[in-house]
Amino acid sequence: MPSPDELRSAMPFAQATGITIETASPEEVTGTLGWAPERCTAGGALHGGALMTLADSIGAACAFLNLPPDTATTTVESSSRFFRAVREGRVRAVARPLHAGRTTIVVQTDLYDDGGRHVAQTTQTQAVLRS
């Protein structure tokens, strides 16, 4: 099983945006993204696109760890709900598989602020791609 650093290295966009992967297993992947002015809206809140990037990256890592041998994956659907703004600190993502099937993997990723408050929730469907 790849380490958190190996998973992150396989995702150049996650690296470029500052995402870290802290833990990685088929049952759960966790990671973080820090607040920074360049990741914000005009009002100083972390941009929804930055939050979705975190959720999609950590969720995709979770899906990857649940793939059958000799397959790959890509996101085919993603739905996010936002609950509160983040104006400082770090956002922590926790991704867990809801379904790991023959043709799709569905992952739910919950985002939390430094106070442990629920920031957002993303559910994404990943296709299982066969060679």
C-alpha atoms as a PDB file:
ATOM      1  CA  MET A   1       0.000   0.000   0.000  1.00  0.00           C
ATOM      2  CA  PRO A   2       1.397   3.431  -0.904  1.00  0.00           C
ATOM      3  CA  SER A   3       2.373   5.820   1.877  1.00  0.00           C
ATOM      4  CA  PRO A   4       0.621   9.198   2.300  1.00  0.00           C
ATOM      5  CA  ASP A   5       3.640  10.908   0.697  1.00  0.00           C
ATOM      6  CA  GLU A   6       3.573   8.535  -2.289  1.00  0.00           C
ATOM      7  CA  LEU A   7      -0.151   9.183  -2.803  1.00  0.00           C
ATOM      8  CA  ARG A   8       0.394  12.950  -2.697  1.00  0.00           C
ATOM      9  CA  SER A   9       3.328  12.681  -5.104  1.00  0.00           C
ATOM     10  CA  ALA A  10       1.023  10.986  -7.622  1.00  0.00           C
ATOM     11  CA  MET A  11      -1.277  14.069  -7.598  1.00  0.00           C
ATOM     12  CA  PRO A  12       0.627  17.143  -8.880  1.00  0.00           C
ATOM     13  CA  PHE A  13      -2.413  19.441  -8.489  1.00  0.00           C
ATOM     14  CA  ALA A  14      -2.795  18.455  -4.818  1.00  0.00           C
ATOM     15  CA  GLN A  15       0.877  19.262  -4.304  1.00  0.00           C
ATOM     16  CA  ALA A  16       0.573  22.612  -6.101  1.00  0.00           C
ATOM     17  CA  THR A  17      -2.401  23.662  -3.986  1.00  0.00           C
ATOM     18  CA  GLY A  18      -0.719  22.804  -0.672  1.00  0.00           C
ATOM     19  CA  ILE A  19      -2.748  19.726   0.280  1.00  0.00           C
ATOM     20  CA  THR A  20      -1.145  17.245   2.651  1.00  0.00           C
ATOM     21  CA  ILE A  21      -2.162  13.624   3.156  1.00  0.00           C
ATOM     22  CA  GLU A  22      -1.751  12.583   6.779  1.00  0.00           C
ATOM     23  CA  THR A  23      -3.070   9.016   6.907  1.00  0.00           C
ATOM     24  CA  ALA A  24      -4.073   6.569   4.208  1.00  0.00           C
ATOM     25  CA  SER A  25      -5.840   3.216   4.353  1.00  0.00           C
ATOM     26  CA  PRO A  26      -8.679   1.697   2.314  1.00  0.00           C
ATOM     27  CA  GLU A  27     -11.048   2.472   5.224  1.00  0.00           C
ATOM     28  CA  GLU A  28     -10.062   6.133   5.706  1.00  0.00           C
ATOM     29  CA  VAL A  29      -7.826   8.811   4.230  1.00  0.00           C
ATOM     30  CA  THR A  30      -7.166  12.103   6.028  1.00  0.00           C
ATOM     31  CA  GLY A  31      -5.483  15.291   4.893  1.00  0.00           C
ATOM     32  CA  THR A  32      -5.348  19.046   5.368  1.00  0.00           C
ATOM     33  CA  LEU A  33      -5.267  22.362   3.572  1.00  0.00           C
ATOM     34  CA  GLY A  34      -4.238  25.574   5.292  1.00  0.00           C
ATOM     35  CA  TRP A  35      -5.995  28.912   5.023  1.00  0.00           C
ATOM     36  CA  ALA A  36      -4.001  31.397   2.922  1.00  0.00           C
ATOM     37  CA  PRO A  37      -5.009  34.741   1.413  1.00  0.00           C
ATOM     38  CA  GLU A  38      -4.420  33.485  -2.136  1.00  0.00           C
ATOM     39  CA  ARG A  39      -6.981  30.694  -1.547  1.00  0.00           C
ATOM     40  CA  CYS A  40      -9.752  33.072  -0.445  1.00  0.00           C
ATOM     41  CA  THR A  41     -12.763  34.921  -1.765  1.00  0.00           C
ATOM     42  CA  ALA A  42     -12.904  38.727  -1.641  1.00  0.00           C
ATOM     43  CA  GLY A  43     -14.345  38.420   1.884  1.00  0.00           C
ATOM     44  CA  GLY A  44     -11.374  36.500   3.291  1.00  0.00           C
ATOM     45  CA  ALA A  45     -13.092  33.103   3.470  1.00  0.00           C
ATOM     46  CA  LEU A  46     -11.399  30.036   2.044  1.00  0.00           C
ATOM     47  CA  HIS A  47     -12.786  29.654  -1.495  1.00  0.00           C
ATOM     48  CA  GLY A  48     -15.290  26.845  -2.107  1.00  0.00           C
ATOM     49  CA  GLY A  49     -13.128  25.662  -4.990  1.00  0.00           C
ATOM     50  CA  ALA A  50     -10.191  25.225  -2.613  1.00  0.00           C
ATOM     51  CA  LEU A  51     -12.404  23.199  -0.267  1.00  0.00           C
ATOM     52  CA  MET A  52     -13.664  21.088  -3.183  1.00  0.00           C
ATOM     53  CA  THR A  53     -10.076  20.523  -4.345  1.00  0.00           C
ATOM     54  CA  LEU A  54      -9.189  19.227  -0.878  1.00  0.00           C
ATOM     55  CA  ALA A  55     -12.249  16.956  -0.761  1.00  0.00           C
ATOM     56  CA  ASP A  56     -11.750  15.632  -4.299  1.00  0.00           C
ATOM     57  CA  SER A  57      -8.050  14.924  -3.753  1.00  0.00           C
ATOM     58  CA  ILE A  58      -8.483  13.125  -0.436  1.00  0.00           C
ATOM     59  CA  GLY A  59     -11.576  11.304  -1.753  1.00  0.00           C
ATOM     60  CA  ALA A  60      -9.739  10.203  -4.900  1.00  0.00           C
ATOM     61  CA  ALA A  61      -6.897   8.826  -2.765  1.00  0.00           C
ATOM     62  CA  CYS A  62      -9.473   6.838  -0.795  1.00  0.00           C
ATOM     63  CA  ALA A  63     -11.027   5.504  -4.004  1.00  0.00           C
ATOM     64  CA  PHE A  64      -7.574   4.589  -5.348  1.00  0.00           C
ATOM     65  CA  LEU A  65      -6.873   2.522  -2.227  1.00  0.00           C
ATOM     66  CA  ASN A  66     -10.118   0.601  -2.839  1.00  0.00           C
ATOM     67  CA  LEU A  67      -9.469  -0.235  -6.509  1.00  0.00           C
ATOM     68  CA  PRO A  68      -9.328  -3.811  -7.753  1.00  0.00           C
ATOM     69  CA  PRO A  69      -5.917  -4.856  -9.172  1.00  0.00           C
ATOM     70  CA  ASP A  70      -4.934  -3.513 -12.599  1.00  0.00           C
ATOM     71  CA  THR A  71      -7.505  -0.703 -12.629  1.00  0.00           C
ATOM     72  CA  ALA A  72      -7.430   3.100 -12.374  1.00  0.00           C
ATOM     73  CA  THR A  73      -9.991   5.708 -11.375  1.00  0.00           C
ATOM     74  CA  THR A  74     -11.342   9.130 -12.239  1.00  0.00           C
ATOM     75  CA  THR A  75     -14.049  11.300 -10.693  1.00  0.00           C
ATOM     76  CA  VAL A  76     -17.315  11.131 -12.661  1.00  0.00           C
ATOM     77  CA  GLU A  77     -19.620  12.983 -10.243  1.00  0.00           C
ATOM     78  CA  SER A  78     -19.151  15.193  -7.201  1.00  0.00           C
ATOM     79  CA  SER A  79     -21.609  17.006  -4.957  1.00  0.00           C
ATOM     80  CA  SER A  80     -20.597  19.397  -2.173  1.00  0.00           C
ATOM     81  CA  ARG A  81     -22.534  21.074   0.601  1.00  0.00           C
ATOM     82  CA  PHE A  82     -20.998  23.988   2.509  1.00  0.00           C
ATOM     83  CA  PHE A  83     -21.917  24.658   6.134  1.00  0.00           C
ATOM     84  CA  ARG A  84     -19.596  27.410   7.376  1.00  0.00           C
ATOM     85  CA  ALA A  85     -16.811  29.739   6.280  1.00  0.00           C
ATOM     86  CA  VAL A  86     -13.153  29.185   7.139  1.00  0.00           C
ATOM     87  CA  ARG A  87     -11.242  32.412   7.806  1.00  0.00           C
ATOM     88  CA  GLU A  88      -8.105  31.023   9.487  1.00  0.00           C
ATOM     89  CA  GLY A  89      -6.258  27.856  10.406  1.00  0.00           C
ATOM     90  CA  ARG A  90      -6.434  24.537   8.593  1.00  0.00           C
ATOM     91  CA  VAL A  91      -9.213  22.421   7.166  1.00  0.00           C
ATOM     92  CA  ARG A  92      -9.037  18.690   7.885  1.00  0.00           C
ATOM     93  CA  ALA A  93     -10.557  16.209   5.433  1.00  0.00           C
ATOM     94  CA  VAL A  94     -11.732  12.710   6.360  1.00  0.00           C
ATOM     95  CA  ALA A  95     -12.685  10.454   3.426  1.00  0.00           C
ATOM     96  CA  ARG A  96     -14.415   7.086   3.789  1.00  0.00           C
ATOM     97  CA  PRO A  97     -15.775   4.737   1.123  1.00  0.00           C
ATOM     98  CA  LEU A  98     -19.552   4.336   1.054  1.00  0.00           C
ATOM     99  CA  HIS A  99     -19.463   1.782  -1.769  1.00  0.00           C
ATOM    100  CA  ALA A 100     -16.586  -0.050  -3.455  1.00  0.00           C
ATOM    101  CA  GLY A 101     -18.067  -1.924  -6.404  1.00  0.00           C
ATOM    102  CA  ARG A 102     -16.998  -3.472  -9.668  1.00  0.00           C
ATOM    103  CA  THR A 103     -17.646  -0.341 -11.785  1.00  0.00           C
ATOM    104  CA  THR A 104     -17.810   2.547  -9.307  1.00  0.00           C
ATOM    105  CA  ILE A 105     -16.513   3.619  -5.920  1.00  0.00           C
ATOM    106  CA  VAL A 106     -18.465   6.196  -3.904  1.00  0.00           C
ATOM    107  CA  VAL A 107     -16.583   8.194  -1.283  1.00  0.00           C
ATOM    108  CA  GLN A 108     -17.841  10.678   1.308  1.00  0.00           C
ATOM    109  CA  THR A 109     -15.406  13.330   2.491  1.00  0.00           C
ATOM    110  CA  ASP A 110     -16.169  15.481   5.525  1.00  0.00           C
ATOM    111  CA  LEU A 111     -14.268  18.740   6.101  1.00  0.00           C
ATOM    112  CA  TYR A 112     -13.681  20.221   9.565  1.00  0.00           C
ATOM    113  CA  ASP A 113     -12.111  23.456  10.811  1.00  0.00           C
ATOM    114  CA  ASP A 114      -9.543  23.683  13.627  1.00  0.00           C
ATOM    115  CA  GLY A 115     -12.380  23.802  16.154  1.00  0.00           C
ATOM    116  CA  GLY A 116     -13.754  20.476  14.901  1.00  0.00           C
ATOM    117  CA  ARG A 117     -16.798  22.164  13.335  1.00  0.00           C
ATOM    118  CA  HIS A 118     -18.231  20.645  10.161  1.00  0.00           C
ATOM    119  CA  VAL A 119     -17.300  22.936   7.257  1.00  0.00           C
ATOM    120  CA  ALA A 120     -18.485  20.929   4.256  1.00  0.00           C
ATOM    121  CA  GLN A 121     -19.346  17.485   2.957  1.00  0.00           C
ATOM    122  CA  THR A 122     -18.570  16.089  -0.483  1.00  0.00           C
ATOM    123  CA  THR A 123     -19.834  12.851  -1.972  1.00  0.00           C
ATOM    124  CA  GLN A 124     -18.103  11.746  -5.149  1.00  0.00           C
ATOM    125  CA  THR A 125     -18.449   8.820  -7.521  1.00  0.00           C
ATOM    126  CA  GLN A 126     -15.273   7.416  -9.020  1.00  0.00           C
ATOM    127  CA  ALA A 127     -15.309   5.196 -12.107  1.00  0.00           C
ATOM    128  CA  VAL A 128     -13.317   1.978 -11.968  1.00  0.00           C
ATOM    129  CA  LEU A 129     -11.317   2.028 -15.217  1.00  0.00           C
ATOM    130  CA  ARG A 130     -10.100  -1.273 -16.634  1.00  0.00           C
ATOM    131  CA  SER A 131      -7.135  -1.473 -19.025  1.00  0.00           C
END
